[in-house]
Amino acid sequence: MSEISNINVQKLTIVQQAIASCCGAIITSLFVTPLDVIKTRLQAQSNPFHKGKCFVYSSGLTDDVYVCENGDSKAWYKKPGHFKGTLDAFVKIIRIEGIKVLWSGLPPTLIMAIPTTAIYFTCYDQLCEALKNRPGKHDEHIPVIAGSLSRFGSVTVVSPLELIKTQMQYRRLSYKQLYLCISTKVAVDGWVSLWAGWTSTVLRDVPFSAMYWYNYERFKKMMCKELGANESTFFVSFTSGAASGSIAAVTTQPFDVVKTHRQTQLWDSETLKIPQKDDKSTWAVMRKIVARSGVTGLFAGITPRLFKVAPACAIMISTYEYGKSFFSHLNEKKNQHP
């Protein structure tokens, strides 16, 4: 199976891999965003968002912090609705407000989701290819190494964008004001300050990625063997993606709770200028959560996260594999008829 995927990858250019991952990112966001819009609306109904209150919103690929602005009573997350549950909210929003509302807040999310996903998936395939060509390497370790390194790289590259996006969204700064704001921050706190919140993201995303790719490649190989297929089908990729995404999500949930805490903290310190106390480190945040809510506090929100992560992983990997397969066949045809 590893030989088959290696042949497929070798036939593709970096640009083709990037296009396949970008298409996967857009399709995943279009499917998963409505779930998060409904979740946010149900949250707002039970616990109304006041000015300055922030919440985490996800497109299935990236998590973004949104803040409630003053006088913004017409914002998509503030519209009143008497929903009895998820399905009721889904039906009422479409009927009363129109289907477009289900994709509220998506464009700014895609600005970060598309480059992150393109870097991540393209690097993963390139690293897999490089590692497979090295003698004396155990094949089962390759997804773990490639998955960890590619995620580490994409998080590091995109991390400063989160801070910049936070500033732009809250203060509506012009590019000149933004440059001034960032350069002042660098002058006062140093370059490292642009990577605030990087540690908690890496601690969640790198182990998630290592587990996800290891299990995905294993499930894919097992399912192909069971079905007697020499190439991964859409169904195989979809099922393997959902299963491996679920396992990785449950295992890394404590780090997801900390990441959400750090994101809202970052928001408070950067925009509302609320001074942060001594709980800067990830472990300090964990200890604080355990002291307040017990160990179960570290697994808060696991059900909604699974409902989001499983379909997001399944859609993303199956559309990406389909895109790669499409380009692979296209290149084959080109080689046959030069």
C-alpha atoms as a PDB file:
ATOM      1  CA  MET A   1       0.000   0.000   0.000  1.00  0.00           C
ATOM      2  CA  SER A   2       2.846   2.372   0.844  1.00  0.00           C
ATOM      3  CA  GLU A   3       4.297   1.601  -2.602  1.00  0.00           C
ATOM      4  CA  ILE A   4       1.012   2.585  -4.272  1.00  0.00           C
ATOM      5  CA  SER A   5       0.699   5.891  -2.423  1.00  0.00           C
ATOM      6  CA  ASN A   6       4.388   6.574  -3.128  1.00  0.00           C
ATOM      7  CA  ILE A   7       3.828   6.085  -6.883  1.00  0.00           C
ATOM      8  CA  ASN A   8       0.816   8.421  -6.721  1.00  0.00           C
ATOM      9  CA  VAL A   9       2.714  11.114  -4.839  1.00  0.00           C
ATOM     10  CA  GLN A  10       5.727  10.920  -7.168  1.00  0.00           C
ATOM     11  CA  LYS A  11       3.492  11.616 -10.139  1.00  0.00           C
ATOM     12  CA  LEU A  12       2.278  14.887  -8.609  1.00  0.00           C
ATOM     13  CA  THR A  13       3.975  18.265  -8.559  1.00  0.00           C
ATOM     14  CA  ILE A  14       4.035  20.419  -5.397  1.00  0.00           C
ATOM     15  CA  VAL A  15       1.559  22.797  -7.088  1.00  0.00           C
ATOM     16  CA  GLN A  16      -0.868  19.918  -7.751  1.00  0.00           C
ATOM     17  CA  GLN A  17      -0.604  18.776  -4.120  1.00  0.00           C
ATOM     18  CA  ALA A  18      -1.238  22.354  -2.946  1.00  0.00           C
ATOM     19  CA  ILE A  19      -4.286  22.701  -5.264  1.00  0.00           C
ATOM     20  CA  ALA A  20      -5.713  19.364  -4.006  1.00  0.00           C
ATOM     21  CA  SER A  21      -5.282  20.466  -0.367  1.00  0.00           C
ATOM     22  CA  CYS A  22      -6.798  23.934  -1.005  1.00  0.00           C
ATOM     23  CA  CYS A  23      -9.855  22.359  -2.661  1.00  0.00           C
ATOM     24  CA  GLY A  24     -10.157  19.984   0.291  1.00  0.00           C
ATOM     25  CA  ALA A  25      -9.929  22.915   2.724  1.00  0.00           C
ATOM     26  CA  ILE A  26     -12.711  24.854   0.948  1.00  0.00           C
ATOM     27  CA  ILE A  27     -15.038  21.823   0.709  1.00  0.00           C
ATOM     28  CA  THR A  28     -14.411  20.899   4.382  1.00  0.00           C
ATOM     29  CA  SER A  29     -15.149  24.478   5.518  1.00  0.00           C
ATOM     30  CA  LEU A  30     -18.372  24.578   3.487  1.00  0.00           C
ATOM     31  CA  PHE A  31     -19.592  21.363   5.135  1.00  0.00           C
ATOM     32  CA  VAL A  32     -18.401  21.932   8.723  1.00  0.00           C
ATOM     33  CA  THR A  33     -18.991  25.692   9.226  1.00  0.00           C
ATOM     34  CA  PRO A  34     -22.833  25.347   9.438  1.00  0.00           C
ATOM     35  CA  LEU A  35     -22.388  22.926  12.378  1.00  0.00           C
ATOM     36  CA  ASP A  36     -20.343  25.508  14.263  1.00  0.00           C
ATOM     37  CA  VAL A  37     -22.665  28.400  13.363  1.00  0.00           C
ATOM     38  CA  ILE A  38     -25.569  26.407  14.851  1.00  0.00           C
ATOM     39  CA  LYS A  39     -23.491  25.484  17.937  1.00  0.00           C
ATOM     40  CA  THR A  40     -22.613  29.184  18.460  1.00  0.00           C
ATOM     41  CA  ARG A  41     -26.252  30.270  18.068  1.00  0.00           C
ATOM     42  CA  LEU A  42     -27.395  27.667  20.615  1.00  0.00           C
ATOM     43  CA  GLN A  43     -24.650  28.862  23.010  1.00  0.00           C
ATOM     44  CA  ALA A  44     -25.735  32.486  22.573  1.00  0.00           C
ATOM     45  CA  GLN A  45     -29.353  31.510  23.282  1.00  0.00           C
ATOM     46  CA  SER A  46     -28.542  29.884  26.641  1.00  0.00           C
ATOM     47  CA  ASN A  47     -25.793  32.339  27.600  1.00  0.00           C
ATOM     48  CA  PRO A  48     -26.119  35.668  25.682  1.00  0.00           C
ATOM     49  CA  PHE A  49     -22.907  37.238  24.382  1.00  0.00           C
ATOM     50  CA  HIS A  50     -22.236  40.659  25.911  1.00  0.00           C
ATOM     51  CA  LYS A  51     -19.882  43.369  24.663  1.00  0.00           C
ATOM     52  CA  GLY A  52     -16.265  42.231  24.887  1.00  0.00           C
ATOM     53  CA  LYS A  53     -17.250  38.574  25.397  1.00  0.00           C
ATOM     54  CA  CYS A  54     -15.361  36.302  23.027  1.00  0.00           C
ATOM     55  CA  PHE A  55     -16.075  32.828  21.729  1.00  0.00           C
ATOM     56  CA  VAL A  56     -14.188  30.294  19.622  1.00  0.00           C
ATOM     57  CA  TYR A  57     -15.579  29.566  16.179  1.00  0.00           C
ATOM     58  CA  SER A  58     -14.335  26.774  13.912  1.00  0.00           C
ATOM     59  CA  SER A  59     -14.458  25.973  10.216  1.00  0.00           C
ATOM     60  CA  GLY A  60     -13.304  22.424  10.917  1.00  0.00           C
ATOM     61  CA  LEU A  61      -9.741  23.363   9.920  1.00  0.00           C
ATOM     62  CA  THR A  62      -8.863  26.334  12.115  1.00  0.00           C
ATOM     63  CA  ASP A  63     -10.255  27.803  15.341  1.00  0.00           C
ATOM     64  CA  ASP A  64     -10.856  31.541  15.448  1.00  0.00           C
ATOM     65  CA  VAL A  65     -11.731  33.879  18.287  1.00  0.00           C
ATOM     66  CA  TYR A  66     -14.699  36.169  17.681  1.00  0.00           C
ATOM     67  CA  VAL A  67     -15.623  39.046  19.952  1.00  0.00           C
ATOM     68  CA  CYS A  68     -18.979  40.696  20.530  1.00  0.00           C
ATOM     69  CA  GLU A  69     -18.749  44.316  19.525  1.00  0.00           C
ATOM     70  CA  ASN A  70     -20.663  47.230  20.994  1.00  0.00           C
ATOM     71  CA  GLY A  71     -23.864  48.124  19.157  1.00  0.00           C
ATOM     72  CA  ASP A  72     -23.442  45.120  16.893  1.00  0.00           C
ATOM     73  CA  SER A  73     -26.889  43.715  17.684  1.00  0.00           C
ATOM     74  CA  LYS A  74     -27.404  42.556  14.086  1.00  0.00           C
ATOM     75  CA  ALA A  75     -24.307  40.302  14.117  1.00  0.00           C
ATOM     76  CA  TRP A  76     -25.017  36.722  12.980  1.00  0.00           C
ATOM     77  CA  TYR A  77     -24.273  35.283  16.448  1.00  0.00           C
ATOM     78  CA  LYS A  78     -26.626  37.733  18.218  1.00  0.00           C
ATOM     79  CA  LYS A  79     -29.817  37.216  16.220  1.00  0.00           C
ATOM     80  CA  PRO A  80     -32.605  35.970  18.515  1.00  0.00           C
ATOM     81  CA  GLY A  81     -33.998  32.518  17.920  1.00  0.00           C
ATOM     82  CA  HIS A  82     -35.994  30.126  20.046  1.00  0.00           C
ATOM     83  CA  PHE A  83     -34.339  26.843  19.169  1.00  0.00           C
ATOM     84  CA  LYS A  84     -35.212  23.511  20.784  1.00  0.00           C
ATOM     85  CA  GLY A  85     -32.039  21.816  19.576  1.00  0.00           C
ATOM     86  CA  THR A  86     -29.592  21.401  16.692  1.00  0.00           C
ATOM     87  CA  LEU A  87     -32.075  20.174  14.066  1.00  0.00           C
ATOM     88  CA  ASP A  88     -34.691  22.755  15.080  1.00  0.00           C
ATOM     89  CA  ALA A  89     -32.057  25.531  14.827  1.00  0.00           C
ATOM     90  CA  PHE A  90     -30.957  24.264  11.403  1.00  0.00           C
ATOM     91  CA  VAL A  91     -34.539  24.288  10.019  1.00  0.00           C
ATOM     92  CA  LYS A  92     -35.518  27.651  11.584  1.00  0.00           C
ATOM     93  CA  ILE A  93     -32.347  29.469  10.459  1.00  0.00           C
ATOM     94  CA  ILE A  94     -32.846  28.333   6.840  1.00  0.00           C
ATOM     95  CA  ARG A  95     -36.577  29.126   6.882  1.00  0.00           C
ATOM     96  CA  ILE A  96     -36.463  32.498   8.670  1.00  0.00           C
ATOM     97  CA  GLU A  97     -33.002  33.940   7.946  1.00  0.00           C
ATOM     98  CA  GLY A  98     -32.007  32.193   4.718  1.00  0.00           C
ATOM     99  CA  ILE A  99     -29.468  29.452   3.962  1.00  0.00           C
ATOM    100  CA  LYS A 100     -26.546  31.936   3.544  1.00  0.00           C
ATOM    101  CA  VAL A 101     -26.545  32.589   7.314  1.00  0.00           C
ATOM    102  CA  LEU A 102     -25.164  29.060   7.876  1.00  0.00           C
ATOM    103  CA  TRP A 103     -21.834  30.227   6.421  1.00  0.00           C
ATOM    104  CA  SER A 104     -21.575  33.419   8.516  1.00  0.00           C
ATOM    105  CA  GLY A 105     -18.026  34.402   9.400  1.00  0.00           C
ATOM    106  CA  LEU A 106     -16.467  31.997   6.890  1.00  0.00           C
ATOM    107  CA  PRO A 107     -14.430  34.349   4.583  1.00  0.00           C
ATOM    108  CA  PRO A 108     -11.978  35.601   7.274  1.00  0.00           C
ATOM    109  CA  THR A 109     -11.569  32.011   8.499  1.00  0.00           C
ATOM    110  CA  LEU A 110     -10.580  30.792   5.023  1.00  0.00           C
ATOM    111  CA  ILE A 111      -7.806  33.411   4.854  1.00  0.00           C
ATOM    112  CA  MET A 112      -5.982  31.373   7.518  1.00  0.00           C
ATOM    113  CA  ALA A 113      -7.370  27.883   6.819  1.00  0.00           C
ATOM    114  CA  ILE A 114      -6.265  27.692   3.173  1.00  0.00           C
ATOM    115  CA  PRO A 115      -2.524  28.549   3.598  1.00  0.00           C
ATOM    116  CA  THR A 116      -2.291  26.425   6.789  1.00  0.00           C
ATOM    117  CA  THR A 117      -3.825  23.388   5.068  1.00  0.00           C
ATOM    118  CA  ALA A 118      -1.782  23.829   1.873  1.00  0.00           C
ATOM    119  CA  ILE A 119       1.517  24.000   3.837  1.00  0.00           C
ATOM    120  CA  TYR A 120       0.537  21.103   6.112  1.00  0.00           C
ATOM    121  CA  PHE A 121      -0.646  18.552   3.526  1.00  0.00           C
ATOM    122  CA  THR A 122       1.976  19.380   0.893  1.00  0.00           C
ATOM    123  CA  CYS A 123       4.796  19.146   3.460  1.00  0.00           C
ATOM    124  CA  TYR A 124       3.386  15.835   4.742  1.00  0.00           C
ATOM    125  CA  ASP A 125       3.463  14.248   1.277  1.00  0.00           C
ATOM    126  CA  GLN A 126       6.888  15.690   0.439  1.00  0.00           C
ATOM    127  CA  LEU A 127       8.342  14.432   3.749  1.00  0.00           C
ATOM    128  CA  CYS A 128       6.773  10.975   3.277  1.00  0.00           C
ATOM    129  CA  GLU A 129       8.341  10.755  -0.150  1.00  0.00           C
ATOM    130  CA  ALA A 130      11.766  11.849   1.131  1.00  0.00           C
ATOM    131  CA  LEU A 131      11.654   9.406   4.081  1.00  0.00           C
ATOM    132  CA  LYS A 132      10.507   6.472   1.944  1.00  0.00           C
ATOM    133  CA  ASN A 133      13.531   6.922  -0.308  1.00  0.00           C
ATOM    134  CA  ARG A 134      15.930   6.589   2.634  1.00  0.00           C
ATOM    135  CA  PRO A 135      17.400   3.110   3.208  1.00  0.00           C
ATOM    136  CA  GLY A 136      16.833   1.269   6.487  1.00  0.00           C
ATOM    137  CA  LYS A 137      13.734   3.243   7.475  1.00  0.00           C
ATOM    138  CA  HIS A 138      10.712   1.513   9.037  1.00  0.00           C
ATOM    139  CA  ASP A 139       7.655   2.405   6.983  1.00  0.00           C
ATOM    140  CA  GLU A 140       5.234   2.557   9.948  1.00  0.00           C
ATOM    141  CA  HIS A 141       7.242   5.382  11.566  1.00  0.00           C
ATOM    142  CA  ILE A 142       7.087   7.591   8.474  1.00  0.00           C
ATOM    143  CA  PRO A 143       3.515   8.964   9.004  1.00  0.00           C
ATOM    144  CA  VAL A 144       4.384   9.859  12.640  1.00  0.00           C
ATOM    145  CA  ILE A 145       7.579  11.747  11.696  1.00  0.00           C
ATOM    146  CA  ALA A 146       6.123  13.409   8.576  1.00  0.00           C
ATOM    147  CA  GLY A 147       2.836  14.288  10.339  1.00  0.00           C
ATOM    148  CA  SER A 148       4.600  15.826  13.360  1.00  0.00           C
ATOM    149  CA  LEU A 149       7.131  17.850  11.346  1.00  0.00           C
ATOM    150  CA  SER A 150       4.621  19.160   8.789  1.00  0.00           C
ATOM    151  CA  ARG A 151       2.209  20.261  11.540  1.00  0.00           C
ATOM    152  CA  PHE A 152       5.016  21.849  13.557  1.00  0.00           C
ATOM    153  CA  GLY A 153       6.072  23.800  10.450  1.00  0.00           C
ATOM    154  CA  SER A 154       2.595  24.989   9.451  1.00  0.00           C
ATOM    155  CA  VAL A 155       1.732  26.078  13.030  1.00  0.00           C
ATOM    156  CA  THR A 156       5.016  28.028  13.313  1.00  0.00           C
ATOM    157  CA  VAL A 157       4.533  29.784   9.958  1.00  0.00           C
ATOM    158  CA  VAL A 158       0.872  30.718  10.543  1.00  0.00           C
ATOM    159  CA  SER A 159       1.031  31.523  14.296  1.00  0.00           C
ATOM    160  CA  PRO A 160       1.860  35.275  13.904  1.00  0.00           C
ATOM    161  CA  LEU A 161      -1.119  35.605  11.518  1.00  0.00           C
ATOM    162  CA  GLU A 162      -3.483  34.752  14.382  1.00  0.00           C
ATOM    163  CA  LEU A 163      -2.247  37.736  16.371  1.00  0.00           C
ATOM    164  CA  ILE A 164      -2.412  40.036  13.327  1.00  0.00           C
ATOM    165  CA  LYS A 165      -5.943  38.831  12.456  1.00  0.00           C
ATOM    166  CA  THR A 166      -7.043  39.424  16.064  1.00  0.00           C
ATOM    167  CA  GLN A 167      -5.788  43.012  15.917  1.00  0.00           C
ATOM    168  CA  MET A 168      -7.383  43.699  12.517  1.00  0.00           C
ATOM    169  CA  GLN A 169     -10.749  42.224  13.479  1.00  0.00           C
ATOM    170  CA  TYR A 170     -11.011  44.084  16.785  1.00  0.00           C
ATOM    171  CA  ARG A 171      -9.594  47.486  15.916  1.00  0.00           C
ATOM    172  CA  ARG A 172     -10.339  47.594  12.163  1.00  0.00           C
ATOM    173  CA  LEU A 173      -6.858  48.986  11.579  1.00  0.00           C
ATOM    174  CA  SER A 174      -5.490  50.114   8.228  1.00  0.00           C
ATOM    175  CA  TYR A 175      -2.360  48.266   7.011  1.00  0.00           C
ATOM    176  CA  LYS A 176      -0.199  51.263   8.019  1.00  0.00           C
ATOM    177  CA  GLN A 177      -1.689  51.321  11.550  1.00  0.00           C
ATOM    178  CA  LEU A 178      -1.323  47.520  11.755  1.00  0.00           C
ATOM    179  CA  TYR A 179       2.369  47.751  10.777  1.00  0.00           C
ATOM    180  CA  LEU A 180       2.881  50.429  13.438  1.00  0.00           C
ATOM    181  CA  CYS A 181       1.045  48.351  16.044  1.00  0.00           C
ATOM    182  CA  ILE A 182       3.060  45.171  15.289  1.00  0.00           C
ATOM    183  CA  SER A 183       6.436  46.987  15.075  1.00  0.00           C
ATOM    184  CA  THR A 184       5.750  48.679  18.456  1.00  0.00           C
ATOM    185  CA  LYS A 185       4.913  45.277  19.977  1.00  0.00           C
ATOM    186  CA  VAL A 186       8.140  43.780  18.575  1.00  0.00           C
ATOM    187  CA  ALA A 187      10.173  46.753  19.877  1.00  0.00           C
ATOM    188  CA  VAL A 188       8.694  46.414  23.381  1.00  0.00           C
ATOM    189  CA  ASP A 189       8.336  42.613  23.794  1.00  0.00           C
ATOM    190  CA  GLY A 190      10.686  41.246  21.106  1.00  0.00           C
ATOM    191  CA  TRP A 191      10.011  39.056  18.047  1.00  0.00           C
ATOM    192  CA  VAL A 192       8.990  36.096  20.232  1.00  0.00           C
ATOM    193  CA  SER A 193       5.802  37.988  21.243  1.00  0.00           C
ATOM    194  CA  LEU A 194       4.393  37.389  17.735  1.00  0.00           C
ATOM    195  CA  TRP A 195       4.248  33.685  18.616  1.00  0.00           C
ATOM    196  CA  ALA A 196       2.092  34.154  21.749  1.00  0.00           C
ATOM    197  CA  GLY A 197      -0.067  31.043  22.159  1.00  0.00           C
ATOM    198  CA  TRP A 198       2.265  28.992  19.915  1.00  0.00           C
ATOM    199  CA  THR A 199       3.143  26.460  22.657  1.00  0.00           C
ATOM    200  CA  SER A 200      -0.460  25.470  23.408  1.00  0.00           C
ATOM    201  CA  THR A 201      -1.190  25.117  19.661  1.00  0.00           C
ATOM    202  CA  VAL A 202       1.885  22.915  19.094  1.00  0.00           C
ATOM    203  CA  LEU A 203       1.085  20.751  22.144  1.00  0.00           C
ATOM    204  CA  ARG A 204      -2.379  20.077  20.742  1.00  0.00           C
ATOM    205  CA  ASP A 205      -1.699  19.904  17.001  1.00  0.00           C
ATOM    206  CA  VAL A 206       1.607  17.994  16.787  1.00  0.00           C
ATOM    207  CA  PRO A 207       0.491  14.938  18.868  1.00  0.00           C
ATOM    208  CA  PHE A 208      -2.899  15.078  17.075  1.00  0.00           C
ATOM    209  CA  SER A 209      -1.138  15.026  13.714  1.00  0.00           C
ATOM    210  CA  ALA A 210       1.252  12.192  14.657  1.00  0.00           C
ATOM    211  CA  MET A 211      -1.629   9.987  15.879  1.00  0.00           C
ATOM    212  CA  TYR A 212      -3.922  10.970  13.040  1.00  0.00           C
ATOM    213  CA  TRP A 213      -1.514  10.078  10.214  1.00  0.00           C
ATOM    214  CA  TYR A 214      -0.243   6.898  11.902  1.00  0.00           C
ATOM    215  CA  ASN A 215      -3.783   5.557  12.384  1.00  0.00           C
ATOM    216  CA  TYR A 216      -4.999   6.861   9.015  1.00  0.00           C
ATOM    217  CA  GLU A 217      -2.274   5.013   7.068  1.00  0.00           C
ATOM    218  CA  ARG A 218      -2.878   1.842   9.135  1.00  0.00           C
ATOM    219  CA  PHE A 219      -6.680   1.898   8.728  1.00  0.00           C
ATOM    220  CA  LYS A 220      -6.321   2.657   5.021  1.00  0.00           C
ATOM    221  CA  LYS A 221      -3.948  -0.291   4.519  1.00  0.00           C
ATOM    222  CA  MET A 222      -6.234  -2.627   6.527  1.00  0.00           C
ATOM    223  CA  MET A 223      -9.388  -1.582   4.677  1.00  0.00           C
ATOM    224  CA  CYS A 224      -7.745  -1.871   1.250  1.00  0.00           C
ATOM    225  CA  LYS A 225      -6.609  -5.399   2.195  1.00  0.00           C
ATOM    226  CA  GLU A 226     -10.127  -6.328   3.379  1.00  0.00           C
ATOM    227  CA  LEU A 227     -11.762  -4.948   0.230  1.00  0.00           C
ATOM    228  CA  GLY A 228      -9.079  -6.345  -2.056  1.00  0.00           C
ATOM    229  CA  ALA A 229      -8.380  -2.911  -3.532  1.00  0.00           C
ATOM    230  CA  ASN A 230      -4.874  -1.876  -4.586  1.00  0.00           C
ATOM    231  CA  GLU A 231      -5.708   1.806  -4.405  1.00  0.00           C
ATOM    232  CA  SER A 232      -7.529   3.786  -1.729  1.00  0.00           C
ATOM    233  CA  THR A 233     -11.153   4.569  -2.666  1.00  0.00           C
ATOM    234  CA  PHE A 234     -13.192   7.597  -1.539  1.00  0.00           C
ATOM    235  CA  PHE A 235     -15.036   5.362   0.996  1.00  0.00           C
ATOM    236  CA  VAL A 236     -11.762   3.976   2.420  1.00  0.00           C
ATOM    237  CA  SER A 237     -10.242   7.472   2.820  1.00  0.00           C
ATOM    238  CA  PHE A 238     -13.469   8.880   4.330  1.00  0.00           C
ATOM    239  CA  THR A 239     -13.869   6.065   6.906  1.00  0.00           C
ATOM    240  CA  SER A 240     -10.161   5.960   7.822  1.00  0.00           C
ATOM    241  CA  GLY A 241     -10.105   9.762   8.190  1.00  0.00           C
ATOM    242  CA  ALA A 242     -13.159   9.814  10.493  1.00  0.00           C
ATOM    243  CA  ALA A 243     -11.849   6.975  12.706  1.00  0.00           C
ATOM    244  CA  SER A 244      -8.278   8.288  13.044  1.00  0.00           C
ATOM    245  CA  GLY A 245      -9.524  11.872  13.575  1.00  0.00           C
ATOM    246  CA  SER A 246     -11.804  10.699  16.412  1.00  0.00           C
ATOM    247  CA  ILE A 247      -9.014   8.789  18.197  1.00  0.00           C
ATOM    248  CA  ALA A 248      -6.617  11.758  17.925  1.00  0.00           C
ATOM    249  CA  ALA A 249      -9.332  14.215  19.076  1.00  0.00           C
ATOM    250  CA  VAL A 250     -10.136  12.260  22.264  1.00  0.00           C
ATOM    251  CA  THR A 251      -6.445  11.831  23.148  1.00  0.00           C
ATOM    252  CA  THR A 252      -5.530  15.497  22.642  1.00  0.00           C
ATOM    253  CA  GLN A 253      -8.716  16.981  24.176  1.00  0.00           C
ATOM    254  CA  PRO A 254      -6.965  18.362  27.332  1.00  0.00           C
ATOM    255  CA  PHE A 255      -4.643  20.388  25.068  1.00  0.00           C
ATOM    256  CA  ASP A 256      -7.646  21.627  23.069  1.00  0.00           C
ATOM    257  CA  VAL A 257      -9.234  22.936  26.299  1.00  0.00           C
ATOM    258  CA  VAL A 258      -5.962  24.737  27.152  1.00  0.00           C
ATOM    259  CA  LYS A 259      -5.638  26.092  23.587  1.00  0.00           C
ATOM    260  CA  THR A 260      -9.172  27.587  23.771  1.00  0.00           C
ATOM    261  CA  HIS A 261      -8.334  29.103  27.174  1.00  0.00           C
ATOM    262  CA  ARG A 262      -5.096  30.597  25.798  1.00  0.00           C
ATOM    263  CA  GLN A 263      -6.831  31.966  22.679  1.00  0.00           C
ATOM    264  CA  THR A 264      -9.417  33.860  24.736  1.00  0.00           C
ATOM    265  CA  GLN A 265      -6.645  35.005  27.116  1.00  0.00           C
ATOM    266  CA  LEU A 266      -4.615  36.280  24.155  1.00  0.00           C
ATOM    267  CA  TRP A 267      -7.695  38.145  22.969  1.00  0.00           C
ATOM    268  CA  ASP A 268      -8.164  39.769  26.378  1.00  0.00           C
ATOM    269  CA  SER A 269      -4.532  40.841  26.702  1.00  0.00           C
ATOM    270  CA  GLU A 270      -4.155  42.075  23.115  1.00  0.00           C
ATOM    271  CA  THR A 271      -7.438  43.904  22.637  1.00  0.00           C
ATOM    272  CA  LEU A 272      -9.171  44.557  25.929  1.00  0.00           C
ATOM    273  CA  LYS A 273      -5.799  45.212  27.620  1.00  0.00           C
ATOM    274  CA  ILE A 274      -6.700  42.973  30.551  1.00  0.00           C
ATOM    275  CA  PRO A 275      -3.420  42.152  32.318  1.00  0.00           C
ATOM    276  CA  GLN A 276      -2.713  38.425  32.480  1.00  0.00           C
ATOM    277  CA  LYS A 277      -1.766  36.812  35.779  1.00  0.00           C
ATOM    278  CA  ASP A 278       0.916  34.225  36.401  1.00  0.00           C
ATOM    279  CA  ASP A 279      -0.736  31.306  34.533  1.00  0.00           C
ATOM    280  CA  LYS A 280       1.314  31.812  31.378  1.00  0.00           C
ATOM    281  CA  SER A 281       2.468  28.214  30.909  1.00  0.00           C
ATOM    282  CA  THR A 282       0.311  25.435  29.467  1.00  0.00           C
ATOM    283  CA  TRP A 283       0.850  23.271  32.567  1.00  0.00           C
ATOM    284  CA  ALA A 284      -0.178  26.149  34.858  1.00  0.00           C
ATOM    285  CA  VAL A 285      -3.427  26.529  32.863  1.00  0.00           C
ATOM    286  CA  MET A 286      -4.018  22.758  33.165  1.00  0.00           C
ATOM    287  CA  ARG A 287      -3.465  22.824  36.929  1.00  0.00           C
ATOM    288  CA  LYS A 288      -5.892  25.752  37.221  1.00  0.00           C
ATOM    289  CA  ILE A 289      -8.577  23.882  35.208  1.00  0.00           C
ATOM    290  CA  VAL A 290      -8.117  20.691  37.296  1.00  0.00           C
ATOM    291  CA  ALA A 291      -8.286  22.690  40.558  1.00  0.00           C
ATOM    292  CA  ARG A 292     -11.513  24.385  39.423  1.00  0.00           C
ATOM    293  CA  SER A 293     -13.356  21.547  37.626  1.00  0.00           C
ATOM    294  CA  GLY A 294     -11.437  18.345  38.347  1.00  0.00           C
ATOM    295  CA  VAL A 295      -9.852  16.087  35.700  1.00  0.00           C
ATOM    296  CA  THR A 296     -13.163  16.038  33.772  1.00  0.00           C
ATOM    297  CA  GLY A 297     -12.639  19.777  33.154  1.00  0.00           C
ATOM    298  CA  LEU A 298      -9.785  18.833  30.798  1.00  0.00           C
ATOM    299  CA  PHE A 299     -12.267  16.862  28.666  1.00  0.00           C
ATOM    300  CA  ALA A 300     -14.970  19.552  28.596  1.00  0.00           C
ATOM    301  CA  GLY A 301     -16.631  19.860  25.195  1.00  0.00           C
ATOM    302  CA  ILE A 302     -15.385  16.491  23.902  1.00  0.00           C
ATOM    303  CA  THR A 303     -18.760  15.588  22.303  1.00  0.00           C
ATOM    304  CA  PRO A 304     -19.128  18.767  20.168  1.00  0.00           C
ATOM    305  CA  ARG A 305     -15.433  18.492  19.243  1.00  0.00           C
ATOM    306  CA  LEU A 306     -15.914  14.901  18.024  1.00  0.00           C
ATOM    307  CA  PHE A 307     -18.980  15.935  15.996  1.00  0.00           C
ATOM    308  CA  LYS A 308     -16.783  18.560  14.341  1.00  0.00           C
ATOM    309  CA  VAL A 309     -13.414  16.771  14.048  1.00  0.00           C
ATOM    310  CA  ALA A 310     -14.643  13.388  12.728  1.00  0.00           C
ATOM    311  CA  PRO A 311     -16.527  14.792   9.676  1.00  0.00           C
ATOM    312  CA  ALA A 312     -13.854  17.483   9.096  1.00  0.00           C
ATOM    313  CA  CYS A 313     -11.046  14.886   8.993  1.00  0.00           C
ATOM    314  CA  ALA A 314     -13.121  12.526   6.847  1.00  0.00           C
ATOM    315  CA  ILE A 315     -14.110  15.203   4.288  1.00  0.00           C
ATOM    316  CA  MET A 316     -10.665  16.814   4.179  1.00  0.00           C
ATOM    317  CA  ILE A 317      -8.646  13.616   3.615  1.00  0.00           C
ATOM    318  CA  SER A 318     -11.103  12.022   1.159  1.00  0.00           C
ATOM    319  CA  THR A 319     -11.348  15.173  -1.006  1.00  0.00           C
ATOM    320  CA  TYR A 320      -7.554  15.579  -0.832  1.00  0.00           C
ATOM    321  CA  GLU A 321      -6.957  11.939  -1.859  1.00  0.00           C
ATOM    322  CA  TYR A 322      -9.554  12.318  -4.621  1.00  0.00           C
ATOM    323  CA  GLY A 323      -7.786  15.478  -5.861  1.00  0.00           C
ATOM    324  CA  LYS A 324      -4.429  13.677  -5.858  1.00  0.00           C
ATOM    325  CA  SER A 325      -5.944  10.722  -7.714  1.00  0.00           C
ATOM    326  CA  PHE A 326      -7.447  13.120 -10.299  1.00  0.00           C
ATOM    327  CA  PHE A 327      -4.071  14.808 -10.938  1.00  0.00           C
ATOM    328  CA  SER A 328      -2.304  11.428 -10.941  1.00  0.00           C
ATOM    329  CA  HIS A 329      -4.559  10.124 -13.750  1.00  0.00           C
ATOM    330  CA  LEU A 330      -4.218  13.442 -15.584  1.00  0.00           C
ATOM    331  CA  ASN A 331      -0.412  13.205 -15.478  1.00  0.00           C
ATOM    332  CA  GLU A 332      -0.570   9.571 -16.601  1.00  0.00           C
ATOM    333  CA  LYS A 333      -2.601  10.569 -19.670  1.00  0.00           C
ATOM    334  CA  LYS A 334      -0.125  13.364 -20.442  1.00  0.00           C
ATOM    335  CA  ASN A 335       2.799  10.909 -20.239  1.00  0.00           C
ATOM    336  CA  GLN A 336       1.024   8.417 -22.502  1.00  0.00           C
ATOM    337  CA  HIS A 337       0.243  11.097 -25.144  1.00  0.00           C
ATOM    338  CA  PRO A 338       3.162  13.556 -25.091  1.00  0.00           C
END
